[in-house]
Amino acid sequence: MMRKPSLLTRERILYWPGEFSEIVDLLTKRGDDGRSQPGAPFTLNVGVIAMAAALGLREGRKREVGANRKEISSTTFHMQGLELYLLLIPILSHPEAATEALRPENEEATLKEFERYAAGGLEVLAGEFERSAGREVDVVLHSLLKPTSARQESALSDLPDLL
């Protein structure tokens, strides 16, 4: 089976703030051996980073990654079927500039915008876990990710039930 071609012109390295490693590890339930444990909301860091970017966009929170940073390859996003988020999050943040964001010469700036939203989303997650100390990870995630408006709730109810 052939792999889909990448949406990017070449492999890129993306960064996320290392100060949130504990949150990422919590969401992947990494053990001392570095492997995800059963029941983890996410099996790989890439899923946490994509979700954090979407959360950052929804909350209007973005920030610079900073000097203490971890890296993740765009190929990892591609192989996990999450590469589209690298472009989608920045496009949704500035829909009027969608065409410009997709131009190869703007790829680096587009990915930097994704990184800023991921960093902002990780900051939101860290704050929520701090406020909700002692609660189960799944409960905190559910309360944080539930629709924030009647309009969002209505849009979700219009989707077909896939389960």
C-alpha atoms as a PDB file:
ATOM      1  CA  MET A   1       0.000   0.000   0.000  1.00  0.00           C
ATOM      2  CA  MET A   2       1.399   3.392  -1.007  1.00  0.00           C
ATOM      3  CA  ARG A   3       1.709   6.134   1.523  1.00  0.00           C
ATOM      4  CA  LYS A   4      -0.027   9.426   0.805  1.00  0.00           C
ATOM      5  CA  PRO A   5       2.331  12.182  -0.282  1.00  0.00           C
ATOM      6  CA  SER A   6       3.176  14.811   2.302  1.00  0.00           C
ATOM      7  CA  LEU A   7       1.349  18.140   2.290  1.00  0.00           C
ATOM      8  CA  LEU A   8       4.650  19.882   3.026  1.00  0.00           C
ATOM      9  CA  THR A   9       7.450  20.554   0.569  1.00  0.00           C
ATOM     10  CA  ARG A  10      10.000  18.797   2.809  1.00  0.00           C
ATOM     11  CA  GLU A  11      10.388  17.335   6.261  1.00  0.00           C
ATOM     12  CA  ARG A  12      10.392  20.012   8.949  1.00  0.00           C
ATOM     13  CA  ILE A  13      11.181  20.016  12.638  1.00  0.00           C
ATOM     14  CA  LEU A  14       8.488  21.499  14.857  1.00  0.00           C
ATOM     15  CA  TYR A  15       9.018  22.575  18.441  1.00  0.00           C
ATOM     16  CA  TRP A  16       6.959  22.587  21.614  1.00  0.00           C
ATOM     17  CA  PRO A  17       7.836  23.966  25.072  1.00  0.00           C
ATOM     18  CA  GLY A  18       9.830  21.492  27.154  1.00  0.00           C
ATOM     19  CA  GLU A  19       8.369  23.026  30.307  1.00  0.00           C
ATOM     20  CA  PHE A  20       5.168  21.103  29.519  1.00  0.00           C
ATOM     21  CA  SER A  21       6.847  17.676  29.249  1.00  0.00           C
ATOM     22  CA  GLU A  22       5.085  16.593  32.440  1.00  0.00           C
ATOM     23  CA  ILE A  23       1.673  17.364  30.897  1.00  0.00           C
ATOM     24  CA  VAL A  24       2.559  15.519  27.693  1.00  0.00           C
ATOM     25  CA  ASP A  25       3.807  12.549  29.727  1.00  0.00           C
ATOM     26  CA  LEU A  26       0.620  12.624  31.824  1.00  0.00           C
ATOM     27  CA  LEU A  27      -1.557  12.467  28.703  1.00  0.00           C
ATOM     28  CA  THR A  28       0.460   9.635  27.208  1.00  0.00           C
ATOM     29  CA  LYS A  29       0.868   7.951  30.629  1.00  0.00           C
ATOM     30  CA  ARG A  30       4.550   7.371  30.039  1.00  0.00           C
ATOM     31  CA  GLY A  31       6.105   4.919  32.442  1.00  0.00           C
ATOM     32  CA  ASP A  32       9.691   4.921  33.655  1.00  0.00           C
ATOM     33  CA  ASP A  33      10.567   2.918  30.552  1.00  0.00           C
ATOM     34  CA  GLY A  34       9.261   5.733  28.312  1.00  0.00           C
ATOM     35  CA  ARG A  35       6.387   3.682  26.902  1.00  0.00           C
ATOM     36  CA  SER A  36       2.698   4.546  27.047  1.00  0.00           C
ATOM     37  CA  GLN A  37       0.709   2.600  29.584  1.00  0.00           C
ATOM     38  CA  PRO A  38      -2.720   1.061  28.854  1.00  0.00           C
ATOM     39  CA  GLY A  39      -5.602   3.510  29.118  1.00  0.00           C
ATOM     40  CA  ALA A  40      -3.596   6.561  28.104  1.00  0.00           C
ATOM     41  CA  PRO A  41      -5.693   9.202  26.303  1.00  0.00           C
ATOM     42  CA  PHE A  42      -2.896   9.458  23.706  1.00  0.00           C
ATOM     43  CA  THR A  43      -0.270   6.930  22.694  1.00  0.00           C
ATOM     44  CA  LEU A  44       2.165   9.415  21.130  1.00  0.00           C
ATOM     45  CA  ASN A  45       3.272  12.973  21.851  1.00  0.00           C
ATOM     46  CA  VAL A  46       2.161  14.003  18.358  1.00  0.00           C
ATOM     47  CA  GLY A  47      -1.501  13.489  19.290  1.00  0.00           C
ATOM     48  CA  VAL A  48      -1.125  15.655  22.386  1.00  0.00           C
ATOM     49  CA  ILE A  49       0.582  18.410  20.387  1.00  0.00           C
ATOM     50  CA  ALA A  50      -2.124  18.407  17.682  1.00  0.00           C
ATOM     51  CA  MET A  51      -4.871  18.519  20.328  1.00  0.00           C
ATOM     52  CA  ALA A  52      -3.052  21.311  22.193  1.00  0.00           C
ATOM     53  CA  ALA A  53      -2.840  23.390  18.994  1.00  0.00           C
ATOM     54  CA  ALA A  54      -6.585  22.974  18.409  1.00  0.00           C
ATOM     55  CA  LEU A  55      -7.248  23.939  22.032  1.00  0.00           C
ATOM     56  CA  GLY A  56      -4.942  26.946  21.722  1.00  0.00           C
ATOM     57  CA  LEU A  57      -6.850  28.058  18.633  1.00  0.00           C
ATOM     58  CA  ARG A  58     -10.242  27.588  20.318  1.00  0.00           C
ATOM     59  CA  GLU A  59      -9.111  29.514  23.403  1.00  0.00           C
ATOM     60  CA  GLY A  60      -7.344  32.208  21.369  1.00  0.00           C
ATOM     61  CA  ARG A  61      -4.137  31.397  23.243  1.00  0.00           C
ATOM     62  CA  LYS A  62      -0.778  31.340  21.567  1.00  0.00           C
ATOM     63  CA  ARG A  63       2.734  32.032  22.767  1.00  0.00           C
ATOM     64  CA  GLU A  64       6.311  31.536  21.702  1.00  0.00           C
ATOM     65  CA  VAL A  65       7.859  28.130  22.314  1.00  0.00           C
ATOM     66  CA  GLY A  66      10.912  29.499  24.113  1.00  0.00           C
ATOM     67  CA  ALA A  67      14.474  28.235  24.470  1.00  0.00           C
ATOM     68  CA  ASN A  68      13.636  25.091  26.476  1.00  0.00           C
ATOM     69  CA  ARG A  69      12.055  23.162  23.650  1.00  0.00           C
ATOM     70  CA  LYS A  70      11.374  19.651  22.476  1.00  0.00           C
ATOM     71  CA  GLU A  71      11.199  18.702  18.832  1.00  0.00           C
ATOM     72  CA  ILE A  72       8.967  16.553  16.722  1.00  0.00           C
ATOM     73  CA  SER A  73       9.275  15.842  13.011  1.00  0.00           C
ATOM     74  CA  SER A  74       6.584  16.758  10.524  1.00  0.00           C
ATOM     75  CA  THR A  75       7.025  13.195   9.244  1.00  0.00           C
ATOM     76  CA  THR A  76       5.655  11.937  12.563  1.00  0.00           C
ATOM     77  CA  PHE A  77       2.514  14.039  12.029  1.00  0.00           C
ATOM     78  CA  HIS A  78       2.287  12.664   8.484  1.00  0.00           C
ATOM     79  CA  MET A  79       2.680   9.027   9.537  1.00  0.00           C
ATOM     80  CA  GLN A  80       0.021   9.414  12.257  1.00  0.00           C
ATOM     81  CA  GLY A  81      -2.496  11.055   9.901  1.00  0.00           C
ATOM     82  CA  LEU A  82      -2.245  14.406  11.716  1.00  0.00           C
ATOM     83  CA  GLU A  83      -0.246  16.407   9.183  1.00  0.00           C
ATOM     84  CA  LEU A  84      -3.314  18.326   8.014  1.00  0.00           C
ATOM     85  CA  TYR A  85      -3.509  19.987  11.457  1.00  0.00           C
ATOM     86  CA  LEU A  86      -0.129  21.614  10.810  1.00  0.00           C
ATOM     87  CA  LEU A  87      -1.811  23.652   8.077  1.00  0.00           C
ATOM     88  CA  LEU A  88      -5.412  23.699   9.263  1.00  0.00           C
ATOM     89  CA  ILE A  89      -4.810  25.398  12.630  1.00  0.00           C
ATOM     90  CA  PRO A  90      -2.953  28.394  11.112  1.00  0.00           C
ATOM     91  CA  ILE A  91      -5.494  28.672   8.290  1.00  0.00           C
ATOM     92  CA  LEU A  92      -8.409  28.698  10.726  1.00  0.00           C
ATOM     93  CA  SER A  93      -6.659  31.415  12.733  1.00  0.00           C
ATOM     94  CA  HIS A  94      -6.463  33.652   9.650  1.00  0.00           C
ATOM     95  CA  PRO A  95      -8.947  32.371   7.025  1.00  0.00           C
ATOM     96  CA  GLU A  96      -8.481  35.477   4.899  1.00  0.00           C
ATOM     97  CA  ALA A  97      -4.840  34.473   4.384  1.00  0.00           C
ATOM     98  CA  ALA A  98      -5.475  30.789   3.628  1.00  0.00           C
ATOM     99  CA  THR A  99      -4.039  30.929   0.120  1.00  0.00           C
ATOM    100  CA  GLU A 100      -0.892  32.656   1.356  1.00  0.00           C
ATOM    101  CA  ALA A 101      -0.450  30.134   4.183  1.00  0.00           C
ATOM    102  CA  LEU A 102      -0.420  27.267   1.684  1.00  0.00           C
ATOM    103  CA  ARG A 103       2.292  28.730  -0.534  1.00  0.00           C
ATOM    104  CA  PRO A 104       5.586  26.809  -0.240  1.00  0.00           C
ATOM    105  CA  GLU A 105       7.530  29.993   0.495  1.00  0.00           C
ATOM    106  CA  ASN A 106       5.290  30.605   3.550  1.00  0.00           C
ATOM    107  CA  GLU A 107       5.477  27.059   4.897  1.00  0.00           C
ATOM    108  CA  GLU A 108       7.962  27.914   7.669  1.00  0.00           C
ATOM    109  CA  ALA A 109       5.832  30.825   8.941  1.00  0.00           C
ATOM    110  CA  THR A 110       2.688  28.674   8.798  1.00  0.00           C
ATOM    111  CA  LEU A 111       4.342  25.965  10.886  1.00  0.00           C
ATOM    112  CA  LYS A 112       5.597  28.564  13.397  1.00  0.00           C
ATOM    113  CA  GLU A 113       1.986  29.686  13.847  1.00  0.00           C
ATOM    114  CA  PHE A 114       0.988  26.066  14.552  1.00  0.00           C
ATOM    115  CA  GLU A 115       3.798  25.864  17.133  1.00  0.00           C
ATOM    116  CA  ARG A 116       2.566  29.035  18.862  1.00  0.00           C
ATOM    117  CA  TYR A 117      -0.981  27.675  19.149  1.00  0.00           C
ATOM    118  CA  ALA A 118       0.330  24.303  20.402  1.00  0.00           C
ATOM    119  CA  ALA A 119       2.395  26.120  23.055  1.00  0.00           C
ATOM    120  CA  GLY A 120      -0.646  28.173  24.066  1.00  0.00           C
ATOM    121  CA  GLY A 121      -2.807  25.064  24.241  1.00  0.00           C
ATOM    122  CA  LEU A 122      -0.245  23.270  26.402  1.00  0.00           C
ATOM    123  CA  GLU A 123      -0.301  26.290  28.709  1.00  0.00           C
ATOM    124  CA  VAL A 124      -4.104  26.026  28.948  1.00  0.00           C
ATOM    125  CA  LEU A 125      -3.831  22.297  29.694  1.00  0.00           C
ATOM    126  CA  ALA A 126      -1.220  22.874  32.403  1.00  0.00           C
ATOM    127  CA  GLY A 127      -3.428  25.489  34.067  1.00  0.00           C
ATOM    128  CA  GLU A 128      -6.460  23.230  33.964  1.00  0.00           C
ATOM    129  CA  PHE A 129      -4.598  20.258  35.429  1.00  0.00           C
ATOM    130  CA  GLU A 130      -3.216  22.501  38.168  1.00  0.00           C
ATOM    131  CA  ARG A 131      -6.722  23.763  39.051  1.00  0.00           C
ATOM    132  CA  SER A 132      -8.118  20.230  38.919  1.00  0.00           C
ATOM    133  CA  ALA A 133      -5.475  18.482  41.021  1.00  0.00           C
ATOM    134  CA  GLY A 134      -6.635  15.057  42.146  1.00  0.00           C
ATOM    135  CA  ARG A 135      -9.223  14.579  39.399  1.00  0.00           C
ATOM    136  CA  GLU A 136      -8.844  11.830  36.815  1.00  0.00           C
ATOM    137  CA  VAL A 137      -7.065  12.831  33.609  1.00  0.00           C
ATOM    138  CA  ASP A 138     -10.029  11.761  31.448  1.00  0.00           C
ATOM    139  CA  VAL A 139     -12.456  13.856  33.521  1.00  0.00           C
ATOM    140  CA  VAL A 140     -10.276  16.954  33.253  1.00  0.00           C
ATOM    141  CA  LEU A 141      -9.850  16.492  29.489  1.00  0.00           C
ATOM    142  CA  HIS A 142     -13.576  15.955  28.981  1.00  0.00           C
ATOM    143  CA  SER A 143     -14.515  19.097  30.904  1.00  0.00           C
ATOM    144  CA  LEU A 144     -11.884  21.137  29.088  1.00  0.00           C
ATOM    145  CA  LEU A 145     -12.760  19.905  25.607  1.00  0.00           C
ATOM    146  CA  LYS A 146     -16.549  19.946  25.856  1.00  0.00           C
ATOM    147  CA  PRO A 147     -18.318  22.510  23.657  1.00  0.00           C
ATOM    148  CA  THR A 148     -18.200  26.007  25.113  1.00  0.00           C
ATOM    149  CA  SER A 149     -21.321  27.356  23.459  1.00  0.00           C
ATOM    150  CA  ALA A 150     -24.817  26.341  22.432  1.00  0.00           C
ATOM    151  CA  ARG A 151     -23.732  26.825  18.813  1.00  0.00           C
ATOM    152  CA  GLN A 152     -20.903  24.319  19.180  1.00  0.00           C
ATOM    153  CA  GLU A 153     -23.229  21.906  20.991  1.00  0.00           C
ATOM    154  CA  SER A 154     -25.758  22.207  18.153  1.00  0.00           C
ATOM    155  CA  ALA A 155     -23.070  21.630  15.518  1.00  0.00           C
ATOM    156  CA  LEU A 156     -21.915  18.494  17.340  1.00  0.00           C
ATOM    157  CA  SER A 157     -25.453  17.138  17.649  1.00  0.00           C
ATOM    158  CA  ASP A 158     -25.875  17.471  13.876  1.00  0.00           C
ATOM    159  CA  LEU A 159     -22.977  15.078  13.277  1.00  0.00           C
ATOM    160  CA  PRO A 160     -23.827  11.436  12.710  1.00  0.00           C
ATOM    161  CA  ASP A 161     -23.238   9.095  15.639  1.00  0.00           C
ATOM    162  CA  LEU A 162     -20.274   7.002  14.583  1.00  0.00           C
ATOM    163  CA  LEU A 163     -20.171   4.755  17.620  1.00  0.00           C
END
